[in-house]
């Protein structure tokens, strides 16, 4: 089973002193906003508690959590951790109680996701997080965006990504098999569809970017 961490470099600070990098972090994806690291903890035991030097969001099963920088954290198997490389302002709940005791500000996802089973959970002024579910044998077209969202396959997902240039005929383009922790992100000039090839709902963490951080 794979474990994914999205972080700056997988290092942190303990008691104000730099900590050694986690030895099992392997870069999967990175851009100016996030870095994704694979951490196969299952064969090595749990990671020691450490601190990340940026704000982070992590998914454990069906739950999303948020923490500010420099709060002790220990990864567990099958989590997805997103360490945010840009400053995050005004974190608040949407349809999930990610910040305990804070009000929910539940709203529908953007109209570009019309018909998708997507529930937004949490957001800041710069970044939005939601859980997307695709039924078995169903297919979903990823909405085009100037800044493409990240789709991160969560535990148990079996799916396929079909991508082609905008305007190209259906059936052309490339296909990619997706499994737990794989990241999907394509430029705005491409059309991308996700097809659930498994027997249960395919689940993705959606990460959208926008607002003052752009």
C-alpha atoms as a PDB file:
ATOM      1  CA  UNK A   1       0.000   0.000   0.000  1.00  0.00           C
ATOM      2  CA  UNK A   2       1.360   3.423  -0.879  1.00  0.00           C
ATOM      3  CA  UNK A   3       1.336   6.569   1.221  1.00  0.00           C
ATOM      4  CA  UNK A   4       1.560  10.036  -0.245  1.00  0.00           C
ATOM      5  CA  UNK A   5       2.852  13.261   1.226  1.00  0.00           C
ATOM      6  CA  UNK A   6       2.506  16.600  -0.560  1.00  0.00           C
ATOM      7  CA  UNK A   7       5.114  18.842   0.984  1.00  0.00           C
ATOM      8  CA  UNK A   8       7.934  21.312   0.513  1.00  0.00           C
ATOM      9  CA  UNK A   9      10.814  18.873   0.989  1.00  0.00           C
ATOM     10  CA  UNK A  10       9.548  16.584   3.685  1.00  0.00           C
ATOM     11  CA  UNK A  11      11.599  18.328   6.388  1.00  0.00           C
ATOM     12  CA  UNK A  12      10.485  20.104   9.477  1.00  0.00           C
ATOM     13  CA  UNK A  13      11.618  21.671  12.724  1.00  0.00           C
ATOM     14  CA  UNK A  14      11.580  20.196  16.192  1.00  0.00           C
ATOM     15  CA  UNK A  15      12.135  22.502  19.141  1.00  0.00           C
ATOM     16  CA  UNK A  16      13.384  25.210  16.797  1.00  0.00           C
ATOM     17  CA  UNK A  17      16.132  22.995  15.316  1.00  0.00           C
ATOM     18  CA  UNK A  18      16.158  21.639  11.756  1.00  0.00           C
ATOM     19  CA  UNK A  19      15.174  17.972  11.632  1.00  0.00           C
ATOM     20  CA  UNK A  20      16.730  15.406   9.317  1.00  0.00           C
ATOM     21  CA  UNK A  21      14.649  14.688   6.187  1.00  0.00           C
ATOM     22  CA  UNK A  22      12.274  11.755   6.469  1.00  0.00           C
ATOM     23  CA  UNK A  23      14.246   8.862   4.869  1.00  0.00           C
ATOM     24  CA  UNK A  24      11.337   7.374   2.920  1.00  0.00           C
ATOM     25  CA  UNK A  25      10.111  10.474   1.062  1.00  0.00           C
ATOM     26  CA  UNK A  26      10.217  10.157  -2.737  1.00  0.00           C
ATOM     27  CA  UNK A  27       9.120  13.026  -4.981  1.00  0.00           C
ATOM     28  CA  UNK A  28       6.031  12.212  -7.073  1.00  0.00           C
ATOM     29  CA  UNK A  29       4.976  15.691  -8.247  1.00  0.00           C
ATOM     30  CA  UNK A  30       5.855  19.311  -7.580  1.00  0.00           C
ATOM     31  CA  UNK A  31       5.064  22.807  -8.772  1.00  0.00           C
ATOM     32  CA  UNK A  32       5.238  26.312  -7.301  1.00  0.00           C
ATOM     33  CA  UNK A  33       2.354  25.552  -4.905  1.00  0.00           C
ATOM     34  CA  UNK A  34       2.936  22.003  -3.663  1.00  0.00           C
ATOM     35  CA  UNK A  35       5.411  19.147  -3.717  1.00  0.00           C
ATOM     36  CA  UNK A  36       4.152  15.569  -3.627  1.00  0.00           C
ATOM     37  CA  UNK A  37       6.234  12.895  -1.970  1.00  0.00           C
ATOM     38  CA  UNK A  38       5.561   9.165  -1.792  1.00  0.00           C
ATOM     39  CA  UNK A  39       6.207   7.640   1.635  1.00  0.00           C
ATOM     40  CA  UNK A  40       5.832   3.833   1.766  1.00  0.00           C
ATOM     41  CA  UNK A  41       5.672   3.595   5.541  1.00  0.00           C
ATOM     42  CA  UNK A  42       3.996   0.208   5.750  1.00  0.00           C
ATOM     43  CA  UNK A  43       7.209  -1.743   5.342  1.00  0.00           C
ATOM     44  CA  UNK A  44       9.233   0.532   7.612  1.00  0.00           C
ATOM     45  CA  UNK A  45       6.894   1.305  10.509  1.00  0.00           C
ATOM     46  CA  UNK A  46       5.371   4.689  11.409  1.00  0.00           C
ATOM     47  CA  UNK A  47       7.280   7.912  10.861  1.00  0.00           C
ATOM     48  CA  UNK A  48       8.639   9.738  13.877  1.00  0.00           C
ATOM     49  CA  UNK A  49       6.717  12.900  14.883  1.00  0.00           C
ATOM     50  CA  UNK A  50       8.129  15.926  13.077  1.00  0.00           C
ATOM     51  CA  UNK A  51       7.094  19.436  12.036  1.00  0.00           C
ATOM     52  CA  UNK A  52       6.413  20.821   8.570  1.00  0.00           C
ATOM     53  CA  UNK A  53       7.476  24.391   7.959  1.00  0.00           C
ATOM     54  CA  UNK A  54       4.401  25.299   5.888  1.00  0.00           C
ATOM     55  CA  UNK A  55       0.650  24.943   6.408  1.00  0.00           C
ATOM     56  CA  UNK A  56      -0.672  21.520   5.480  1.00  0.00           C
ATOM     57  CA  UNK A  57      -3.854  19.607   4.724  1.00  0.00           C
ATOM     58  CA  UNK A  58      -4.006  15.841   5.036  1.00  0.00           C
ATOM     59  CA  UNK A  59      -6.602  13.171   4.268  1.00  0.00           C
ATOM     60  CA  UNK A  60      -7.011  10.108   6.471  1.00  0.00           C
ATOM     61  CA  UNK A  61      -9.650   7.787   5.065  1.00  0.00           C
ATOM     62  CA  UNK A  62     -12.664  10.024   4.472  1.00  0.00           C
ATOM     63  CA  UNK A  63     -11.539  12.844   6.794  1.00  0.00           C
ATOM     64  CA  UNK A  64      -9.684  16.016   5.830  1.00  0.00           C
ATOM     65  CA  UNK A  65      -7.553  17.856   8.394  1.00  0.00           C
ATOM     66  CA  UNK A  66      -5.761  21.219   8.374  1.00  0.00           C
ATOM     67  CA  UNK A  67      -2.787  22.367  10.402  1.00  0.00           C
ATOM     68  CA  UNK A  68      -0.677  25.469  10.495  1.00  0.00           C
ATOM     69  CA  UNK A  69       3.082  25.206  10.088  1.00  0.00           C
ATOM     70  CA  UNK A  70       5.351  23.848  12.845  1.00  0.00           C
ATOM     71  CA  UNK A  71       2.723  21.712  14.570  1.00  0.00           C
ATOM     72  CA  UNK A  72       3.988  18.178  15.356  1.00  0.00           C
ATOM     73  CA  UNK A  73       2.709  15.587  12.901  1.00  0.00           C
ATOM     74  CA  UNK A  74       3.345  11.860  12.384  1.00  0.00           C
ATOM     75  CA  UNK A  75       2.282  10.305   9.084  1.00  0.00           C
ATOM     76  CA  UNK A  76       0.212   7.137   9.057  1.00  0.00           C
ATOM     77  CA  UNK A  77      -0.243   4.603   6.280  1.00  0.00           C
ATOM     78  CA  UNK A  78      -2.553   5.609   3.427  1.00  0.00           C
ATOM     79  CA  UNK A  79      -2.728   9.300   4.320  1.00  0.00           C
ATOM     80  CA  UNK A  80      -2.413  12.029   1.704  1.00  0.00           C
ATOM     81  CA  UNK A  81      -0.641  15.129   3.014  1.00  0.00           C
ATOM     82  CA  UNK A  82      -0.574  18.453   1.185  1.00  0.00           C
ATOM     83  CA  UNK A  83       2.031  20.922   2.366  1.00  0.00           C
ATOM     84  CA  UNK A  84       1.166  24.319   0.890  1.00  0.00           C
ATOM     85  CA  UNK A  85       4.137  26.293  -0.377  1.00  0.00           C
ATOM     86  CA  UNK A  86       2.375  29.659  -0.627  1.00  0.00           C
ATOM     87  CA  UNK A  87       1.061  31.613   2.382  1.00  0.00           C
ATOM     88  CA  UNK A  88      -2.553  30.678   3.160  1.00  0.00           C
ATOM     89  CA  UNK A  89      -4.985  33.234   4.556  1.00  0.00           C
ATOM     90  CA  UNK A  90      -8.502  32.969   5.985  1.00  0.00           C
ATOM     91  CA  UNK A  91      -8.849  29.183   6.343  1.00  0.00           C
ATOM     92  CA  UNK A  92     -12.485  28.197   6.855  1.00  0.00           C
ATOM     93  CA  UNK A  93     -14.850  25.249   6.685  1.00  0.00           C
ATOM     94  CA  UNK A  94     -17.078  24.747   3.676  1.00  0.00           C
ATOM     95  CA  UNK A  95     -19.186  21.555   3.941  1.00  0.00           C
ATOM     96  CA  UNK A  96     -16.913  19.715   6.382  1.00  0.00           C
ATOM     97  CA  UNK A  97     -15.907  20.531   9.945  1.00  0.00           C
ATOM     98  CA  UNK A  98     -12.203  20.642   9.206  1.00  0.00           C
ATOM     99  CA  UNK A  99     -11.620  23.391  11.773  1.00  0.00           C
ATOM    100  CA  UNK A 100     -13.335  22.043  14.938  1.00  0.00           C
ATOM    101  CA  UNK A 101     -15.953  24.349  16.390  1.00  0.00           C
ATOM    102  CA  UNK A 102     -15.953  26.717  13.422  1.00  0.00           C
ATOM    103  CA  UNK A 103     -19.092  27.442  11.397  1.00  0.00           C
ATOM    104  CA  UNK A 104     -19.764  25.643   8.129  1.00  0.00           C
ATOM    105  CA  UNK A 105     -20.059  27.833   5.036  1.00  0.00           C
ATOM    106  CA  UNK A 106     -21.417  25.116   2.796  1.00  0.00           C
ATOM    107  CA  UNK A 107     -21.826  25.952  -0.884  1.00  0.00           C
ATOM    108  CA  UNK A 108     -21.973  24.028  -4.131  1.00  0.00           C
ATOM    109  CA  UNK A 109     -18.801  23.609  -6.198  1.00  0.00           C
ATOM    110  CA  UNK A 110     -18.386  25.883  -9.199  1.00  0.00           C
ATOM    111  CA  UNK A 111     -20.822  25.531 -12.093  1.00  0.00           C
ATOM    112  CA  UNK A 112     -18.064  23.921 -14.163  1.00  0.00           C
ATOM    113  CA  UNK A 113     -18.521  20.806 -11.973  1.00  0.00           C
ATOM    114  CA  UNK A 114     -22.265  20.608 -12.715  1.00  0.00           C
ATOM    115  CA  UNK A 115     -23.435  17.006 -12.460  1.00  0.00           C
ATOM    116  CA  UNK A 116     -20.297  15.787 -10.661  1.00  0.00           C
ATOM    117  CA  UNK A 117     -20.451  14.189  -7.216  1.00  0.00           C
ATOM    118  CA  UNK A 118     -18.100  16.731  -5.670  1.00  0.00           C
ATOM    119  CA  UNK A 119     -18.438  18.155  -2.168  1.00  0.00           C
ATOM    120  CA  UNK A 120     -16.172  21.036  -1.213  1.00  0.00           C
ATOM    121  CA  UNK A 121     -14.840  20.537   2.308  1.00  0.00           C
ATOM    122  CA  UNK A 122     -12.426  23.325   3.169  1.00  0.00           C
ATOM    123  CA  UNK A 123     -10.824  26.389   1.632  1.00  0.00           C
ATOM    124  CA  UNK A 124      -8.501  29.319   2.144  1.00  0.00           C
ATOM    125  CA  UNK A 125      -8.267  32.487   0.075  1.00  0.00           C
ATOM    126  CA  UNK A 126      -5.756  30.691  -2.142  1.00  0.00           C
ATOM    127  CA  UNK A 127      -6.752  27.002  -2.243  1.00  0.00           C
ATOM    128  CA  UNK A 128      -9.926  24.856  -2.204  1.00  0.00           C
ATOM    129  CA  UNK A 129     -10.268  21.193  -1.250  1.00  0.00           C
ATOM    130  CA  UNK A 130     -13.064  18.748  -2.038  1.00  0.00           C
ATOM    131  CA  UNK A 131     -13.814  15.041  -2.357  1.00  0.00           C
ATOM    132  CA  UNK A 132     -14.894  13.831  -5.801  1.00  0.00           C
ATOM    133  CA  UNK A 133     -16.582  10.449  -6.231  1.00  0.00           C
ATOM    134  CA  UNK A 134     -17.146   8.656  -9.553  1.00  0.00           C
ATOM    135  CA  UNK A 135     -19.494   5.660  -9.656  1.00  0.00           C
ATOM    136  CA  UNK A 136     -18.335   2.304 -11.077  1.00  0.00           C
ATOM    137  CA  UNK A 137     -18.212   2.311 -14.901  1.00  0.00           C
ATOM    138  CA  UNK A 138     -18.987   6.054 -14.944  1.00  0.00           C
ATOM    139  CA  UNK A 139     -16.871   8.674 -16.734  1.00  0.00           C
ATOM    140  CA  UNK A 140     -16.304  12.327 -15.799  1.00  0.00           C
ATOM    141  CA  UNK A 141     -14.848  15.114 -17.957  1.00  0.00           C
ATOM    142  CA  UNK A 142     -12.484  17.278 -15.909  1.00  0.00           C
ATOM    143  CA  UNK A 143     -13.610  20.905 -16.368  1.00  0.00           C
ATOM    144  CA  UNK A 144     -11.123  23.139 -18.220  1.00  0.00           C
ATOM    145  CA  UNK A 145      -9.507  25.832 -16.086  1.00  0.00           C
ATOM    146  CA  UNK A 146      -6.855  28.505 -16.573  1.00  0.00           C
ATOM    147  CA  UNK A 147      -5.097  26.996 -13.543  1.00  0.00           C
ATOM    148  CA  UNK A 148      -5.726  23.264 -13.748  1.00  0.00           C
ATOM    149  CA  UNK A 149      -6.862  21.535 -10.539  1.00  0.00           C
ATOM    150  CA  UNK A 150      -5.042  18.604  -8.992  1.00  0.00           C
ATOM    151  CA  UNK A 151      -6.888  15.294  -8.753  1.00  0.00           C
ATOM    152  CA  UNK A 152      -5.254  12.887  -6.313  1.00  0.00           C
ATOM    153  CA  UNK A 153      -6.501   9.301  -6.283  1.00  0.00           C
ATOM    154  CA  UNK A 154      -7.433   8.190  -2.768  1.00  0.00           C
ATOM    155  CA  UNK A 155      -7.219   4.730  -1.243  1.00  0.00           C
ATOM    156  CA  UNK A 156      -9.033   2.006  -3.165  1.00  0.00           C
ATOM    157  CA  UNK A 157      -9.427   3.961  -6.394  1.00  0.00           C
ATOM    158  CA  UNK A 158      -9.101   2.123  -9.697  1.00  0.00           C
ATOM    159  CA  UNK A 159      -9.530   4.403 -12.690  1.00  0.00           C
ATOM    160  CA  UNK A 160      -8.188   5.494 -16.047  1.00  0.00           C
ATOM    161  CA  UNK A 161      -7.373   8.988 -17.313  1.00  0.00           C
ATOM    162  CA  UNK A 162      -7.982   9.689 -21.003  1.00  0.00           C
ATOM    163  CA  UNK A 163      -6.416  12.900 -22.326  1.00  0.00           C
ATOM    164  CA  UNK A 164      -6.393  14.480 -25.783  1.00  0.00           C
ATOM    165  CA  UNK A 165      -5.723  17.881 -27.294  1.00  0.00           C
ATOM    166  CA  UNK A 166      -8.674  20.264 -27.279  1.00  0.00           C
ATOM    167  CA  UNK A 167     -10.466  19.858 -30.618  1.00  0.00           C
ATOM    168  CA  UNK A 168      -9.005  16.394 -31.332  1.00  0.00           C
ATOM    169  CA  UNK A 169     -11.368  13.582 -32.203  1.00  0.00           C
ATOM    170  CA  UNK A 170     -12.691  11.276 -29.502  1.00  0.00           C
ATOM    171  CA  UNK A 171     -10.650   8.111 -29.199  1.00  0.00           C
ATOM    172  CA  UNK A 172      -7.356   9.892 -29.865  1.00  0.00           C
ATOM    173  CA  UNK A 173      -4.869  10.926 -27.215  1.00  0.00           C
ATOM    174  CA  UNK A 174      -3.316   9.011 -24.343  1.00  0.00           C
ATOM    175  CA  UNK A 175      -4.582   6.688 -21.621  1.00  0.00           C
ATOM    176  CA  UNK A 176      -3.131   6.314 -18.147  1.00  0.00           C
ATOM    177  CA  UNK A 177      -4.075   3.813 -15.453  1.00  0.00           C
ATOM    178  CA  UNK A 178      -4.641   5.436 -12.058  1.00  0.00           C
ATOM    179  CA  UNK A 179      -4.293   3.910  -8.624  1.00  0.00           C
ATOM    180  CA  UNK A 180      -4.009   5.118  -5.040  1.00  0.00           C
ATOM    181  CA  UNK A 181      -1.902   8.305  -4.677  1.00  0.00           C
ATOM    182  CA  UNK A 182      -1.535   9.002  -8.412  1.00  0.00           C
ATOM    183  CA  UNK A 183      -1.861  12.667  -9.373  1.00  0.00           C
ATOM    184  CA  UNK A 184      -3.778  13.936 -12.409  1.00  0.00           C
ATOM    185  CA  UNK A 185      -3.140  17.408 -13.788  1.00  0.00           C
ATOM    186  CA  UNK A 186      -3.281  18.440 -17.442  1.00  0.00           C
ATOM    187  CA  UNK A 187      -2.936  21.847 -19.135  1.00  0.00           C
ATOM    188  CA  UNK A 188      -6.001  23.848 -20.089  1.00  0.00           C
ATOM    189  CA  UNK A 189      -5.563  23.106 -23.819  1.00  0.00           C
ATOM    190  CA  UNK A 190      -6.254  19.402 -23.228  1.00  0.00           C
ATOM    191  CA  UNK A 191      -9.492  17.536 -22.609  1.00  0.00           C
ATOM    192  CA  UNK A 192      -9.253  15.010 -19.788  1.00  0.00           C
ATOM    193  CA  UNK A 193     -11.761  12.347 -18.773  1.00  0.00           C
ATOM    194  CA  UNK A 194     -11.599  10.059 -15.747  1.00  0.00           C
ATOM    195  CA  UNK A 195     -13.270   6.647 -16.010  1.00  0.00           C
ATOM    196  CA  UNK A 196     -13.883   4.439 -12.983  1.00  0.00           C
ATOM    197  CA  UNK A 197     -12.662   0.950 -13.936  1.00  0.00           C
ATOM    198  CA  UNK A 198     -13.193  -0.545 -10.474  1.00  0.00           C
ATOM    199  CA  UNK A 199     -16.152  -2.109  -8.703  1.00  0.00           C
ATOM    200  CA  UNK A 200     -16.542   0.600  -6.046  1.00  0.00           C
ATOM    201  CA  UNK A 201     -16.679   4.397  -6.164  1.00  0.00           C
ATOM    202  CA  UNK A 202     -13.426   6.021  -7.299  1.00  0.00           C
ATOM    203  CA  UNK A 203     -12.466   8.788  -4.862  1.00  0.00           C
ATOM    204  CA  UNK A 204     -10.249  11.780  -5.608  1.00  0.00           C
ATOM    205  CA  UNK A 205      -9.058  14.699  -3.530  1.00  0.00           C
ATOM    206  CA  UNK A 206      -9.661  17.824  -5.639  1.00  0.00           C
ATOM    207  CA  UNK A 207      -7.266  20.720  -5.059  1.00  0.00           C
ATOM    208  CA  UNK A 208      -8.186  23.967  -6.828  1.00  0.00           C
ATOM    209  CA  UNK A 209      -6.048  27.097  -6.887  1.00  0.00           C
ATOM    210  CA  UNK A 210      -7.190  30.705  -7.119  1.00  0.00           C
ATOM    211  CA  UNK A 211      -7.651  33.961  -5.263  1.00  0.00           C
ATOM    212  CA  UNK A 212      -4.974  36.338  -3.993  1.00  0.00           C
ATOM    213  CA  UNK A 213      -2.291  33.626  -4.187  1.00  0.00           C
ATOM    214  CA  UNK A 214      -2.441  33.584  -7.980  1.00  0.00           C
END
